[in-house]
Amino acid sequence: MPISEQEKFARIRLLRSGNIGPVTYFQLLARFGNAVEAIGALPGLAQRGGGRTPRLANTDSVKKEMDAADRADAAYLFHDDAEYPTLLGHMENAPPIFTYRGNIALLNRQSVAIVGARNASAAACKFARKIAHDLAQQGCVIVSGLARGIDTAAHMGAGPGSIGVIASGIDIAYPPENAELQETMANGALVIAEQPPGTEPLARHFPFRNRIIAGLSAGTLVVEAAPRSGSLITARLAGEAGRDVMAIPGSPLDPRARGCNTLIRNGATLIQSAENVLEQIGSIDERLVREDPRPYELQLVQTDMELSDTSRRTVENLLNMTAIGTDELVRQSGMPAAEVATILLELELAGRLDRHAGARVSLKP
């Protein structure tokens, strides 16, 4: 069912509020059914978690954001819209909302991420462009980050069969020299952004951008990358999500090839052609492409059920500044998973809890 304009506004406001990330957002919708009710319940939840009420996003700022999206000719996509990409929905911290410009139908076609160095060699850029073109000719959508080097080559090779995931707002072009390419893709391919319109790209935004690139794709191909690069973060996130990780081998004398060679040594598939890629992604686990993953349907205590202070203390006493899995908290506390999840939600809204990859949590210092 289409959601109301009031609910759309409330969802954006909820996600832009303090101490609320994707996991918390989904848990709040699971518990209260809609964002309007969730916003009204925030003060009580935070109080029970022992902290102050989260800073709610100002309604005027949300209106300005939505107006900026309109001016950029962009639209919002919500987690329960029919067009929301199924593969991305299986990511643990899938973005609940993002903006887009272009051909939204690309989101649910078979996709391959192609990423690599910004200062890539001419040979690597030529290869990336060719393999992206060859894969697009076979019906694959190419996903990349609209950065310099390999990303740019991949988008240019794929043409209209390409998705650009940016770390800025949908109305900001970065790097500036790719402004024309970004505009071309917005009119003939697809550009998506998780950050609100008007947001400049900051270093902390790029890992979030990388998880979307990995999450949209059946596999990630790294063409050229130095150790400790953002491309290797994307590859790691793809592997953690159960997707294929592939790499192009390079000369051990070239520092830009060390990341790819290390990936191959650690088990990534060596790729030499588009045919190799198609063979690899053809074996993706069917569980990752089943319809409607519904990441927001989580088991939480009902709104009319109160938890005891003893239960809260039990969970809090098991937590410290070392991250621990929520499954382990359930095991050690002996409490139902729904009760543990609700207590963690209260602590996070109170500003006392950090969430980490792999469904792990820790107390804030």
Protein backbone atom coordinates (compact mmCIF):
# COMPACT_ATOMS: atom_id res chain seq x y z
CA MET A 1 0.00 0.00 0.00
CA PRO A 2 1.28 3.50 -0.79
CA ILE A 3 2.28 5.39 2.34
CA SER A 4 0.84 8.80 3.15
CA GLU A 5 2.74 12.04 2.77
CA GLN A 6 2.57 12.44 6.55
CA GLU A 7 4.24 9.06 7.04
CA LYS A 8 6.93 9.82 4.43
CA PHE A 9 7.74 13.07 6.22
CA ALA A 10 7.84 11.29 9.60
CA ARG A 11 10.11 8.54 8.27
CA ILE A 12 12.63 11.04 6.95
CA ARG A 13 12.47 12.98 10.21
CA LEU A 14 12.94 9.80 12.24
CA LEU A 15 16.00 8.70 10.27
CA ARG A 16 17.59 12.17 10.47
CA SER A 17 17.19 12.29 14.28
CA GLY A 18 20.00 11.68 16.75
CA ASN A 19 21.04 8.14 17.80
CA ILE A 20 18.93 6.56 15.07
CA GLY A 21 20.65 4.49 12.40
CA PRO A 22 19.20 1.88 10.03
CA VAL A 23 18.91 -0.92 12.61
CA THR A 24 17.21 1.33 15.17
CA TYR A 25 14.92 2.76 12.50
CA PHE A 26 13.73 -0.71 11.45
CA GLN A 27 13.23 -1.76 15.07
CA LEU A 28 11.13 1.30 15.82
CA LEU A 29 8.90 0.66 12.80
CA ALA A 30 8.60 -2.99 13.80
CA ARG A 31 7.47 -2.05 17.28
CA PHE A 32 5.16 0.88 16.55
CA GLY A 33 4.01 0.14 13.02
CA ASN A 34 4.70 3.60 11.63
CA ALA A 35 7.09 6.50 12.03
CA VAL A 36 4.49 8.92 13.41
CA GLU A 37 3.88 6.69 16.43
CA ALA A 38 7.59 5.93 16.80
CA ILE A 39 8.52 9.61 17.03
CA GLY A 40 5.95 10.12 19.79
CA ALA A 41 7.37 7.18 21.75
CA LEU A 42 11.03 8.27 21.64
CA PRO A 43 11.08 10.24 24.93
CA GLY A 44 9.75 7.32 26.95
CA LEU A 45 12.10 4.79 25.37
CA ALA A 46 15.16 6.97 25.93
CA GLN A 47 14.15 7.63 29.54
CA ARG A 48 13.90 3.90 30.22
CA GLY A 49 17.36 3.54 28.68
CA GLY A 50 18.76 5.96 31.23
CA GLY A 51 19.52 8.90 28.95
CA ARG A 52 18.16 12.04 27.38
CA THR A 53 15.58 12.12 24.62
CA PRO A 54 17.24 11.82 21.19
CA ARG A 55 17.57 15.07 19.29
CA LEU A 56 14.66 15.03 16.86
CA ALA A 57 15.29 16.45 13.41
CA ASN A 58 13.72 19.86 13.03
CA THR A 59 10.58 19.80 10.89
CA ASP A 60 11.77 22.85 8.97
CA SER A 61 15.05 21.11 8.09
CA VAL A 62 13.15 18.06 6.83
CA LYS A 63 10.94 20.28 4.68
CA LYS A 64 14.01 22.04 3.28
CA GLU A 65 15.58 18.67 2.50
CA MET A 66 12.50 17.49 0.63
CA ASP A 67 12.32 20.77 -1.27
CA ALA A 68 15.99 20.37 -2.24
CA ALA A 69 15.26 16.87 -3.55
CA ASP A 70 12.42 18.28 -5.65
CA ARG A 71 14.67 20.99 -7.08
CA ALA A 72 17.23 18.32 -8.01
CA ASP A 73 14.49 16.35 -9.79
CA ALA A 74 15.14 13.48 -7.36
CA ALA A 75 12.70 11.11 -5.66
CA TYR A 76 12.78 9.19 -2.38
CA LEU A 77 12.76 5.40 -2.23
CA PHE A 78 11.65 3.76 1.05
CA HIS A 79 12.51 0.30 2.32
CA ASP A 80 9.01 -1.08 1.72
CA ASP A 81 8.51 0.37 -1.76
CA ALA A 82 8.06 -2.28 -4.42
CA GLU A 83 11.11 -0.98 -6.31
CA TYR A 84 13.47 -1.28 -3.33
CA PRO A 85 16.32 -3.60 -4.43
CA THR A 86 15.90 -7.08 -3.01
CA LEU A 87 19.61 -7.87 -2.68
CA LEU A 88 20.31 -4.63 -0.82
CA GLY A 89 17.46 -5.42 1.57
CA HIS A 90 19.39 -8.46 2.78
CA MET A 91 22.22 -6.32 4.14
CA GLU A 92 22.25 -6.11 7.93
CA ASN A 93 22.20 -2.29 7.89
CA ALA A 94 20.40 -1.67 4.60
CA PRO A 95 19.57 2.01 4.08
CA PRO A 96 15.90 2.56 4.98
CA ILE A 97 15.62 5.58 2.67
CA PHE A 98 17.61 6.95 -0.23
CA THR A 99 17.12 9.41 -3.06
CA TYR A 100 17.58 8.66 -6.72
CA ARG A 101 17.60 10.13 -10.19
CA GLY A 102 17.20 8.05 -13.31
CA ASN A 103 15.99 4.61 -14.30
CA ILE A 104 14.85 2.93 -11.09
CA ALA A 105 14.17 -0.34 -12.94
CA LEU A 106 17.94 -0.98 -12.91
CA LEU A 107 17.84 -1.63 -9.16
CA ASN A 108 16.41 -5.12 -9.45
CA ARG A 109 18.40 -6.41 -12.41
CA GLN A 110 21.42 -8.66 -12.01
CA SER A 111 24.28 -6.39 -10.96
CA VAL A 112 28.05 -6.54 -10.62
CA ALA A 113 30.10 -3.96 -8.74
CA ILE A 114 33.34 -2.82 -10.35
CA VAL A 115 35.61 -0.81 -8.07
CA GLY A 116 39.25 0.14 -7.87
CA ALA A 117 41.91 2.77 -7.44
CA ARG A 118 41.31 6.46 -8.04
CA ASN A 119 44.87 6.82 -9.35
CA ALA A 120 44.55 3.71 -11.51
CA SER A 121 46.91 2.92 -14.34
CA ALA A 122 45.83 3.53 -17.94
CA ALA A 123 45.85 -0.22 -18.60
CA ALA A 124 43.58 -0.91 -15.62
CA CYS A 125 41.13 1.80 -16.68
CA LYS A 126 41.04 0.39 -20.21
CA PHE A 127 40.36 -3.10 -18.85
CA ALA A 128 37.64 -1.84 -16.47
CA ARG A 129 35.90 -0.02 -19.29
CA LYS A 130 36.01 -3.05 -21.55
CA ILE A 131 34.80 -5.58 -19.00
CA ALA A 132 32.00 -3.23 -17.93
CA HIS A 133 30.95 -2.85 -21.56
CA ASP A 134 31.06 -6.61 -22.15
CA LEU A 135 29.02 -7.34 -19.01
CA ALA A 136 26.46 -4.66 -19.91
CA GLN A 137 26.12 -6.23 -23.36
CA GLN A 138 25.21 -9.46 -21.58
CA GLY A 139 22.47 -7.73 -19.59
CA CYS A 140 24.36 -7.05 -16.35
CA VAL A 141 24.05 -3.72 -14.56
CA ILE A 142 27.37 -2.25 -13.42
CA VAL A 143 27.47 -0.64 -9.97
CA SER A 144 30.25 1.72 -8.91
CA GLY A 145 30.92 4.86 -6.92
CA LEU A 146 31.40 7.62 -9.53
CA ALA A 147 34.92 8.26 -8.24
CA ARG A 148 37.99 8.98 -10.36
CA GLY A 149 39.88 6.15 -12.04
CA ILE A 150 38.32 2.69 -12.16
CA ASP A 151 34.83 3.83 -11.14
CA THR A 152 34.67 6.38 -13.95
CA ALA A 153 35.95 3.85 -16.49
CA ALA A 154 33.36 1.26 -15.39
CA HIS A 155 30.46 3.72 -15.67
CA MET A 156 31.59 4.91 -19.09
CA GLY A 157 31.95 1.35 -20.33
CA ALA A 158 28.51 0.29 -19.08
CA GLY A 159 26.68 3.33 -20.43
CA PRO A 160 22.94 3.28 -19.61
CA GLY A 161 23.31 -0.05 -17.80
CA SER A 162 25.02 1.57 -14.85
CA ILE A 163 24.25 2.61 -11.26
CA GLY A 164 26.32 5.30 -9.56
CA VAL A 165 26.27 5.32 -5.76
CA ILE A 166 27.52 8.62 -4.37
CA ALA A 167 28.70 9.60 -0.88
CA SER A 168 27.21 13.11 -1.09
CA GLY A 169 23.67 14.36 -1.44
CA ILE A 170 21.94 13.64 -4.74
CA ASP A 171 22.43 17.26 -5.79
CA ILE A 172 26.21 17.34 -5.21
CA ALA A 173 28.72 16.15 -7.83
CA TYR A 174 31.99 14.73 -6.52
CA PRO A 175 34.64 14.76 -7.79
CA PRO A 176 33.79 18.00 -9.66
CA GLU A 177 35.26 16.72 -12.93
CA ASN A 178 32.59 13.98 -12.94
CA ALA A 179 29.70 16.44 -12.79
CA GLU A 180 28.90 15.92 -16.46
CA LEU A 181 29.11 12.13 -16.14
CA GLN A 182 26.85 12.18 -13.08
CA GLU A 183 24.28 14.31 -14.89
CA THR A 184 24.42 12.03 -17.92
CA MET A 185 23.82 9.00 -15.72
CA ALA A 186 20.94 10.72 -13.91
CA ASN A 187 19.24 11.20 -17.28
CA GLY A 188 20.02 7.85 -18.89
CA ALA A 189 21.15 5.41 -16.18
CA LEU A 190 20.74 5.74 -12.37
CA VAL A 191 22.33 7.71 -9.53
CA ILE A 192 21.45 7.06 -5.88
CA ALA A 193 22.45 8.74 -2.62
CA GLU A 194 21.84 7.82 1.02
CA GLN A 195 22.94 11.20 2.41
CA PRO A 196 20.39 14.04 2.47
CA PRO A 197 20.41 16.54 -0.42
CA GLY A 198 22.95 19.28 0.11
CA THR A 199 25.39 17.02 2.00
CA GLU A 200 29.01 17.42 0.97
CA PRO A 201 31.00 14.14 0.74
CA LEU A 202 32.96 13.58 3.93
CA ALA A 203 35.43 10.77 4.67
CA ARG A 204 33.01 9.09 7.09
CA HIS A 205 30.35 8.84 4.37
CA PHE A 206 32.36 6.65 2.00
CA PRO A 207 32.21 3.37 3.98
CA PHE A 208 28.40 3.74 4.06
CA ARG A 209 28.44 4.34 0.30
CA ASN A 210 30.63 1.24 -0.13
CA ARG A 211 28.16 -1.00 1.70
CA ILE A 212 25.44 0.02 -0.75
CA ILE A 213 27.67 -0.77 -3.72
CA ALA A 214 28.39 -4.22 -2.25
CA GLY A 215 24.77 -4.76 -1.22
CA LEU A 216 23.28 -4.01 -4.63
CA SER A 217 25.54 -6.50 -6.39
CA ALA A 218 25.70 -10.25 -6.81
CA GLY A 219 29.48 -9.90 -6.82
CA THR A 220 32.20 -7.28 -6.51
CA LEU A 221 35.14 -7.10 -8.92
CA VAL A 222 38.23 -5.19 -7.80
CA VAL A 223 40.33 -4.12 -10.78
CA GLU A 224 43.20 -2.30 -9.10
CA ALA A 225 43.58 -1.35 -5.43
CA ALA A 226 46.26 -0.54 -2.93
CA PRO A 227 46.24 -2.19 0.52
CA ARG A 228 43.88 -0.52 3.03
CA SER A 229 41.90 1.14 0.25
CA GLY A 230 38.17 1.82 0.08
CA SER A 231 37.86 -0.76 -2.68
CA LEU A 232 39.01 -3.47 -0.28
CA ILE A 233 36.39 -2.30 2.22
CA THR A 234 33.76 -2.83 -0.47
CA ALA A 235 35.17 -6.29 -1.19
CA ARG A 236 35.13 -7.19 2.52
CA LEU A 237 31.53 -6.05 2.89
CA ALA A 238 30.56 -8.09 -0.17
CA GLY A 239 32.18 -11.18 1.31
CA GLU A 240 30.49 -10.67 4.67
CA ALA A 241 27.13 -10.45 2.87
CA GLY A 242 27.72 -13.77 1.12
CA ARG A 243 28.39 -12.24 -2.29
CA ASP A 244 31.17 -13.19 -4.70
CA VAL A 245 34.49 -11.37 -4.41
CA MET A 246 36.59 -11.22 -7.58
CA ALA A 247 39.84 -9.52 -8.50
CA ILE A 248 42.09 -8.80 -11.46
CA PRO A 249 45.70 -9.92 -10.83
CA GLY A 250 48.51 -7.44 -11.37
CA SER A 251 52.25 -7.08 -11.24
CA PRO A 252 53.72 -7.53 -7.75
CA LEU A 253 55.95 -4.56 -8.57
CA ASP A 254 52.96 -2.20 -8.81
CA PRO A 255 51.64 -1.03 -5.40
CA ARG A 256 48.22 -0.54 -6.98
CA ALA A 257 48.01 -4.27 -7.65
CA ARG A 258 48.85 -5.43 -4.13
CA GLY A 259 45.27 -5.21 -2.89
CA CYS A 260 43.97 -7.38 -5.73
CA ASN A 261 46.78 -9.89 -5.41
CA THR A 262 46.13 -10.16 -1.69
CA LEU A 263 42.42 -10.74 -2.30
CA ILE A 264 43.21 -13.56 -4.71
CA ARG A 265 45.69 -15.09 -2.28
CA ASN A 266 42.97 -15.00 0.38
CA GLY A 267 40.39 -16.75 -1.79
CA ALA A 268 38.90 -14.19 -4.19
CA THR A 269 38.22 -15.47 -7.70
CA LEU A 270 40.80 -14.53 -10.32
CA ILE A 271 39.06 -12.80 -13.23
CA GLN A 272 40.36 -12.33 -16.77
CA SER A 273 37.18 -11.70 -18.77
CA ALA A 274 33.48 -10.92 -18.58
CA GLU A 275 32.78 -14.62 -19.12
CA ASN A 276 34.66 -15.42 -15.89
CA VAL A 277 32.45 -12.95 -14.01
CA LEU A 278 29.22 -14.37 -15.44
CA GLU A 279 30.28 -17.89 -14.51
CA GLN A 280 31.00 -16.80 -10.96
CA ILE A 281 27.84 -14.83 -10.19
CA GLY A 282 25.67 -17.50 -11.75
CA SER A 283 26.15 -19.57 -8.60
CA ILE A 284 24.78 -16.98 -6.12
CA ASP A 285 22.86 -18.47 -3.19
CA GLU A 286 19.15 -18.45 -4.04
CA ARG A 287 18.37 -17.36 -0.48
CA LEU A 288 19.88 -13.98 -1.33
CA VAL A 289 17.45 -13.35 -4.17
CA ARG A 290 14.21 -14.55 -2.59
CA GLU A 291 11.47 -11.97 -2.71
CA ASP A 292 10.81 -9.40 0.00
CA PRO A 293 13.51 -9.81 2.68
CA ARG A 294 11.62 -7.50 5.08
CA PRO A 295 14.63 -6.46 7.22
CA TYR A 296 12.40 -4.35 9.43
CA GLU A 297 10.23 -7.22 10.70
CA LEU A 298 12.15 -7.83 13.92
CA GLN A 299 10.97 -9.50 17.09
CA LEU A 300 10.41 -6.82 19.72
CA VAL A 301 8.34 -6.62 22.88
CA GLN A 302 4.87 -5.26 22.21
CA THR A 303 4.16 -1.64 23.06
CA ASP A 304 1.80 -2.51 25.90
CA MET A 305 4.31 -4.81 27.65
CA GLU A 306 6.68 -3.43 30.27
CA LEU A 307 10.13 -4.82 31.03
CA SER A 308 11.33 -5.07 34.60
CA ASP A 309 14.29 -3.11 35.95
CA THR A 310 15.87 -6.46 36.80
CA SER A 311 15.80 -7.46 33.13
CA ARG A 312 17.40 -4.18 32.13
CA ARG A 313 20.15 -4.53 34.71
CA THR A 314 20.83 -8.11 33.57
CA VAL A 315 21.52 -6.97 30.00
CA GLU A 316 23.42 -3.84 31.01
CA ASN A 317 25.71 -5.84 33.31
CA LEU A 318 26.67 -8.08 30.40
CA LEU A 319 27.74 -5.09 28.31
CA ASN A 320 30.97 -3.14 28.33
CA MET A 321 33.05 -1.23 25.78
CA THR A 322 34.05 -4.48 24.00
CA ALA A 323 31.64 -5.36 21.20
CA ILE A 324 29.63 -8.54 21.70
CA GLY A 325 27.08 -10.31 19.49
CA THR A 326 23.42 -9.93 20.32
CA ASP A 327 22.99 -13.71 20.08
CA GLU A 328 25.57 -14.11 22.83
CA LEU A 329 23.71 -11.59 25.00
CA VAL A 330 20.53 -13.64 24.57
CA ARG A 331 22.37 -16.83 25.48
CA GLN A 332 24.09 -15.43 28.55
CA SER A 333 21.09 -13.50 29.86
CA GLY A 334 18.69 -16.39 29.43
CA MET A 335 16.08 -13.88 28.30
CA PRO A 336 13.88 -13.96 25.17
CA ALA A 337 15.51 -12.37 22.14
CA ALA A 338 12.66 -9.86 21.86
CA GLU A 339 13.31 -8.53 25.37
CA VAL A 340 17.06 -8.21 24.80
CA ALA A 341 16.47 -6.40 21.49
CA THR A 342 14.08 -3.97 23.16
CA ILE A 343 16.52 -3.16 25.97
CA LEU A 344 19.30 -2.56 23.44
CA LEU A 345 16.96 -0.27 21.51
CA GLU A 346 16.28 1.76 24.66
CA LEU A 347 20.00 2.03 25.43
CA GLU A 348 20.80 3.19 21.91
CA LEU A 349 18.09 5.83 21.91
CA ALA A 350 19.46 7.04 25.24
CA GLY A 351 22.85 7.52 23.58
CA ARG A 352 24.54 4.81 25.63
CA LEU A 353 25.02 2.05 23.02
CA ASP A 354 27.09 1.66 19.84
CA ARG A 355 26.22 -0.84 17.11
CA HIS A 356 28.93 -2.60 15.11
CA ALA A 357 29.09 -4.85 12.06
CA GLY A 358 28.03 -8.44 12.53
CA ALA A 359 25.10 -7.64 14.87
CA ARG A 360 27.48 -6.70 17.69
CA VAL A 361 26.96 -4.00 20.29
CA SER A 362 28.95 -2.22 23.01
CA LEU A 363 28.45 0.46 25.62
CA LYS A 364 29.71 3.92 24.74
CA PRO A 365 32.85 5.00 26.61
